[in-house]
Each structure stands twice: as structure tokens, then as C-alpha cells.
N, C-alpha and C. Protein backbone atom coordinates (compact mmCIF):
# COMPACT_ATOMS: atom_id res chain seq x y z
N MET A 1 61.20 169.86 44.77
CA MET A 1 61.78 170.66 46.14
C MET A 1 61.62 169.62 47.29
N GLU A 2 62.23 169.31 48.47
CA GLU A 2 62.98 168.34 48.77
C GLU A 2 61.85 168.74 50.79
N LYS A 3 61.36 168.08 51.01
CA LYS A 3 60.30 168.86 52.30
C LYS A 3 61.47 168.81 53.96
N LYS A 4 61.21 169.27 54.49
CA LYS A 4 62.37 169.25 55.70
C LYS A 4 61.31 168.37 56.64
N ILE A 5 63.23 167.75 57.20
CA ILE A 5 62.69 166.56 57.75
C ILE A 5 61.95 167.08 59.44
N VAL A 6 61.36 166.58 60.54
CA VAL A 6 61.29 166.93 61.78
C VAL A 6 60.40 165.58 62.52
N VAL A 7 62.23 165.59 63.66
CA VAL A 7 61.85 164.72 64.48
C VAL A 7 61.80 164.28 65.61
N SER A 8 59.98 164.27 66.26
CA SER A 8 59.96 163.47 67.22
C SER A 8 59.86 163.79 68.18
N LYS A 9 59.94 163.81 69.40
CA LYS A 9 60.73 163.36 70.79
C LYS A 9 60.29 161.27 71.22
N ARG A 10 59.66 161.06 71.19
CA ARG A 10 59.27 159.42 70.55
C ARG A 10 60.33 158.94 69.47
N PHE A 11 60.40 159.73 68.88
CA PHE A 11 61.45 158.87 67.48
C PHE A 11 63.08 158.53 67.89
N ARG A 12 63.12 160.13 68.40
CA ARG A 12 64.43 160.44 69.10
C ARG A 12 64.17 159.28 70.98
N LYS A 13 63.64 159.21 71.42
CA LYS A 13 63.42 158.15 72.45
C LYS A 13 63.53 156.77 72.58
N ASN A 14 62.31 156.48 71.43
CA ASN A 14 62.56 155.02 70.73
C ASN A 14 63.68 154.39 69.98
N THR A 15 64.55 155.56 69.57
CA THR A 15 65.59 154.53 69.07
C THR A 15 67.19 154.32 69.67
N LEU A 16 66.77 155.86 70.50
CA LEU A 16 68.15 155.59 71.61
C LEU A 16 68.02 154.35 72.36
N LYS A 17 66.61 154.23 73.00
CA LYS A 17 65.86 152.60 73.88
C LYS A 17 66.75 151.81 73.03
N VAL A 18 66.01 151.86 71.77
CA VAL A 18 66.56 150.14 71.49
C VAL A 18 68.35 150.20 71.25
N TYR A 19 68.77 151.38 70.20
CA TYR A 19 70.32 151.62 70.43
C TYR A 19 70.58 150.60 72.18
N ASP A 20 70.66 151.16 73.39
CA ASP A 20 70.82 151.29 74.13
C ASP A 20 70.96 149.33 74.37
N TYR A 21 69.71 149.22 73.92
CA TYR A 21 69.84 147.56 74.17
C TYR A 21 70.59 146.79 73.86
N LEU A 22 70.97 146.97 72.06
CA LEU A 22 71.90 146.06 71.25
C LEU A 22 73.16 146.59 71.85
N MET A 23 73.97 147.42 72.37
CA MET A 23 75.12 147.98 73.56
C MET A 23 75.17 146.66 74.64
N LYS A 24 74.24 147.00 75.08
CA LYS A 24 74.04 145.93 76.37
C LYS A 24 74.02 144.49 75.88
N GLU A 25 73.33 144.09 74.98
CA GLU A 25 72.69 143.04 74.72
C GLU A 25 74.02 141.91 74.42
N TYR A 26 74.04 143.44 73.36
CA TYR A 26 75.17 141.88 72.69
C TYR A 26 76.18 143.14 71.15
N SER A 27 76.68 144.09 70.80
CA SER A 27 78.01 143.99 70.96
C SER A 27 77.56 145.99 70.67
N ALA A 28 78.29 147.04 70.69
CA ALA A 28 78.52 148.21 69.43
C ALA A 28 78.36 148.45 67.95
N LYS A 29 78.71 147.31 67.64
CA LYS A 29 78.76 146.66 65.92
C LYS A 29 77.47 146.70 65.86
N THR A 30 75.98 146.26 66.52
CA THR A 30 75.63 146.03 66.56
C THR A 30 74.07 146.68 66.35
N ALA A 31 75.09 147.47 67.94
CA ALA A 31 73.93 148.95 67.48
C ALA A 31 74.15 149.63 66.37
N PHE A 32 75.61 150.25 66.09
CA PHE A 32 75.41 151.28 65.09
C PHE A 32 75.20 150.85 64.43
N ASN A 33 74.72 149.74 63.32
CA ASN A 33 74.57 148.86 62.56
C ASN A 33 72.38 148.75 62.21
N PHE A 34 72.53 148.90 63.43
CA PHE A 34 71.59 149.78 63.70
C PHE A 34 71.19 151.54 63.17
N LEU A 35 72.01 151.98 63.83
CA LEU A 35 71.62 153.07 63.60
C LEU A 35 72.02 153.85 62.34
N ASP A 36 73.00 153.32 61.76
CA ASP A 36 73.47 153.12 60.02
C ASP A 36 71.76 152.39 58.98
N LYS A 37 70.57 151.44 59.97
CA LYS A 37 69.83 150.92 59.30
C LYS A 37 69.30 152.48 59.32
N VAL A 38 68.83 152.96 60.71
CA VAL A 38 67.78 154.19 60.43
C VAL A 38 68.09 155.00 59.47
N GLN A 39 69.65 155.43 59.31
CA GLN A 39 69.73 156.14 59.13
C GLN A 39 69.62 156.20 57.05
N ARG A 40 69.64 155.07 56.69
CA ARG A 40 69.45 154.98 55.20
C ARG A 40 67.94 154.24 54.94
N ARG A 41 66.90 154.63 55.71
CA ARG A 41 65.76 153.81 55.77
C ARG A 41 65.07 155.48 56.11
N VAL A 42 65.87 156.76 56.19
CA VAL A 42 65.17 157.99 56.62
C VAL A 42 65.49 158.26 54.83
N GLU A 43 66.43 158.36 55.02
CA GLU A 43 67.05 159.03 53.55
C GLU A 43 65.65 158.58 51.99
N LEU A 44 65.42 156.69 52.59
CA LEU A 44 64.74 156.40 51.23
C LEU A 44 63.70 157.14 52.44
N ILE A 45 63.19 157.25 52.65
CA ILE A 45 61.64 157.88 52.85
C ILE A 45 61.91 159.52 52.35
N ILE A 46 63.42 159.61 52.42
CA ILE A 46 62.78 161.39 52.78
C ILE A 46 63.06 161.48 50.51
N GLN A 47 63.83 161.14 50.20
CA GLN A 47 63.78 160.40 48.81
C GLN A 47 62.50 160.20 47.72
N TYR A 48 61.48 159.05 49.09
CA TYR A 48 60.22 158.61 47.85
C TYR A 48 59.83 158.03 49.29
N PRO A 49 58.98 159.75 49.79
CA PRO A 49 57.81 160.06 50.61
C PRO A 49 56.69 159.30 50.14
N GLU A 50 56.49 158.60 48.84
CA GLU A 50 55.11 158.11 49.78
C GLU A 50 55.66 155.95 49.46
N ILE A 51 56.37 155.95 49.57
CA ILE A 51 56.87 154.40 49.55
C ILE A 51 57.01 153.64 50.90
N GLY A 52 56.33 154.13 52.30
CA GLY A 52 55.58 153.50 53.19
C GLY A 52 54.20 152.90 52.52
N LYS A 53 53.98 151.51 53.90
CA LYS A 53 52.62 150.76 53.72
C LYS A 53 52.45 152.14 54.66
N PRO A 54 50.73 152.32 54.07
CA PRO A 54 49.62 153.35 54.66
C PRO A 54 48.82 153.10 55.39
N SER A 55 49.18 153.49 56.61
CA SER A 55 47.97 153.48 58.48
C SER A 55 47.06 153.60 58.06
N GLN A 56 45.76 152.17 58.59
CA GLN A 56 44.77 151.59 58.15
C GLN A 56 44.11 151.99 59.75
N LYS A 57 45.56 153.35 60.43
CA LYS A 57 44.18 153.29 61.62
C LYS A 57 43.86 155.20 61.74
N LYS A 58 45.58 156.29 60.64
CA LYS A 58 45.47 157.00 60.97
C LYS A 58 45.90 157.71 59.37
N ALA A 59 45.43 159.47 58.96
CA ALA A 59 45.82 159.41 57.14
C ALA A 59 46.51 160.18 57.69
N ASN A 60 47.26 159.78 56.35
CA ASN A 60 48.92 160.53 56.35
C ASN A 60 49.84 160.25 57.17
N ILE A 61 50.11 158.28 57.51
CA ILE A 61 50.00 158.21 58.83
C ILE A 61 51.46 156.50 57.64
N ARG A 62 52.12 157.05 57.69
CA ARG A 62 52.79 156.08 57.02
C ARG A 62 54.53 154.75 58.08
N SER A 63 53.93 153.36 57.40
CA SER A 63 55.41 153.25 58.01
C SER A 63 56.34 151.89 57.45
N VAL A 64 57.90 151.88 57.94
CA VAL A 64 58.44 150.83 56.63
C VAL A 64 59.07 149.60 57.78
N THR A 65 59.35 148.71 57.38
CA THR A 65 60.13 148.35 57.71
C THR A 65 61.73 148.71 57.43
N LEU A 66 62.22 148.72 59.26
CA LEU A 66 63.11 148.92 59.62
C LEU A 66 64.03 147.70 59.35
N GLN A 67 63.88 146.73 60.54
CA GLN A 67 63.99 145.00 60.74
C GLN A 67 63.18 144.19 61.39
N PRO A 68 63.75 142.78 60.43
CA PRO A 68 61.65 142.25 60.88
C PRO A 68 61.51 142.58 61.68
N TYR A 69 61.69 143.17 62.64
CA TYR A 69 60.82 143.30 63.93
C TYR A 69 60.98 144.73 64.25
N ASN A 70 61.80 146.09 64.01
CA ASN A 70 61.28 147.51 63.98
C ASN A 70 60.14 147.46 63.24
N ARG A 71 59.38 149.02 63.26
CA ARG A 71 59.17 149.82 62.10
C ARG A 71 59.29 151.19 62.12
N ILE A 72 59.89 151.43 61.40
CA ILE A 72 59.31 153.17 61.67
C ILE A 72 57.97 154.13 60.65
N TYR A 73 57.45 155.28 61.80
CA TYR A 73 56.29 155.41 61.52
C TYR A 73 56.94 156.46 61.82
N TYR A 74 55.63 157.40 60.22
CA TYR A 74 55.77 158.76 59.36
C TYR A 74 54.76 159.35 59.56
N ARG A 75 55.09 160.89 59.83
CA ARG A 75 53.36 161.81 58.48
C ARG A 75 54.56 162.97 57.69
N VAL A 76 53.21 162.42 56.48
CA VAL A 76 53.62 163.26 55.70
C VAL A 76 52.63 164.69 55.34
N ASN A 77 53.19 166.20 54.69
CA ASN A 77 52.37 166.59 55.21
C ASN A 77 52.89 167.95 53.99
N LYS A 78 52.61 168.32 53.70
CA LYS A 78 52.54 169.51 52.39
C LYS A 78 54.38 169.85 52.92
N ASN A 79 54.16 170.21 53.55
CA ASN A 79 56.26 170.69 53.49
C ASN A 79 56.73 170.18 53.98
N THR A 80 57.14 169.54 55.63
CA THR A 80 57.62 168.20 55.50
C THR A 80 56.96 167.20 55.71
N ILE A 81 57.97 166.37 56.68
CA ILE A 81 57.75 165.44 56.97
C ILE A 81 58.51 164.52 58.27
N GLU A 82 57.22 163.97 58.55
CA GLU A 82 58.10 163.80 60.58
C GLU A 82 57.97 162.24 61.17
N LEU A 83 58.50 162.39 61.42
CA LEU A 83 59.27 160.62 62.17
C LEU A 83 58.25 160.88 63.65
N LEU A 84 57.38 159.80 63.72
CA LEU A 84 56.79 159.14 64.96
C LEU A 84 57.65 159.04 65.51
N CYS A 85 58.03 157.54 64.56
CA CYS A 85 58.35 156.50 65.92
C CYS A 85 58.91 155.47 65.42
N VAL A 86 60.44 154.81 65.87
CA VAL A 86 60.27 153.67 66.48
C VAL A 86 59.34 152.99 67.15
N PHE A 87 59.11 152.34 65.90
CA PHE A 87 58.26 151.02 66.71
C PHE A 87 58.65 149.27 66.96
N ASP A 88 58.19 148.53 68.05
CA ASP A 88 58.98 147.38 67.93
C ASP A 88 57.74 146.14 68.28
N MET A 89 57.50 145.87 66.44
CA MET A 89 56.57 144.72 66.15
C MET A 89 56.53 143.55 66.42
N ARG A 90 57.28 143.07 68.44
CA ARG A 90 56.59 142.11 69.28
C ARG A 90 56.07 142.32 70.53
N ARG A 91 55.78 144.07 69.94
CA ARG A 91 54.48 144.31 70.78
C ARG A 91 53.21 144.08 70.17
N ARG A 92 52.33 144.20 71.19
CA ARG A 92 50.63 143.55 70.86
C ARG A 92 49.51 144.33 69.94
N LYS A 93 49.64 145.97 70.11
CA LYS A 93 49.21 147.36 69.74
C LYS A 93 50.07 147.30 69.24
N ARG A 94 49.84 148.59 67.81
CA ARG A 94 50.37 149.29 67.09
C ARG A 94 49.54 151.10 67.65
N PRO A 95 50.86 152.02 66.92
CA PRO A 95 50.52 152.89 67.70
C PRO A 95 50.29 153.21 66.71
N TYR A 96 49.71 153.06 65.57
CA TYR A 96 49.24 154.06 63.94
C TYR A 96 48.09 153.02 63.00
């Protein structure tokens, strides 16, 4: 049985923020490639929920690399996979 996907406001906001930055500073192609990478990673997470690296700070939270400087954080529950955020790894403190 496939788990239900729950997308947090923070995940949407962070994704849109990166997309807007890429549109402004680079090109539409780069921004669309970013969204494509997000979609492919989410599909991978749906297929293999345990694929991500476990958080050392909080239980049930995992992360996968999106690009060299971005990670997707998510939480695996019994019936759901909650997409928590897209995080810029150039920041000093990780959220989870």
C-alpha cells in the first residue's frame, strides 16, 4: 500500500523561494530543472521511504540530497510521508 503524501507549508515556501531565485538569477530552464529534480526525488521517496539519511536530532526524520547544496527533509509515519522542507545546505544550522 502506498503511503499518503503530506506537503507542509514550509516545503512549499522553500521550494518556491529557490524556484524564484533561479528564475531571477539564472534562467527559466534552470528553474524548471530544479522543479523536475524535486519531483523525481519525491517519487523516489514515495517508492523507497527509507532511502534517506536518518536525522541525528529527531526520530522518524530523513533527508535526501536534491542538489549539492539542497536537501529534502521528510518524516515517515505509519500511513504518511510528510515533506517537511527543502533546505539550503550553505546555511550553518540544519533544521532537523
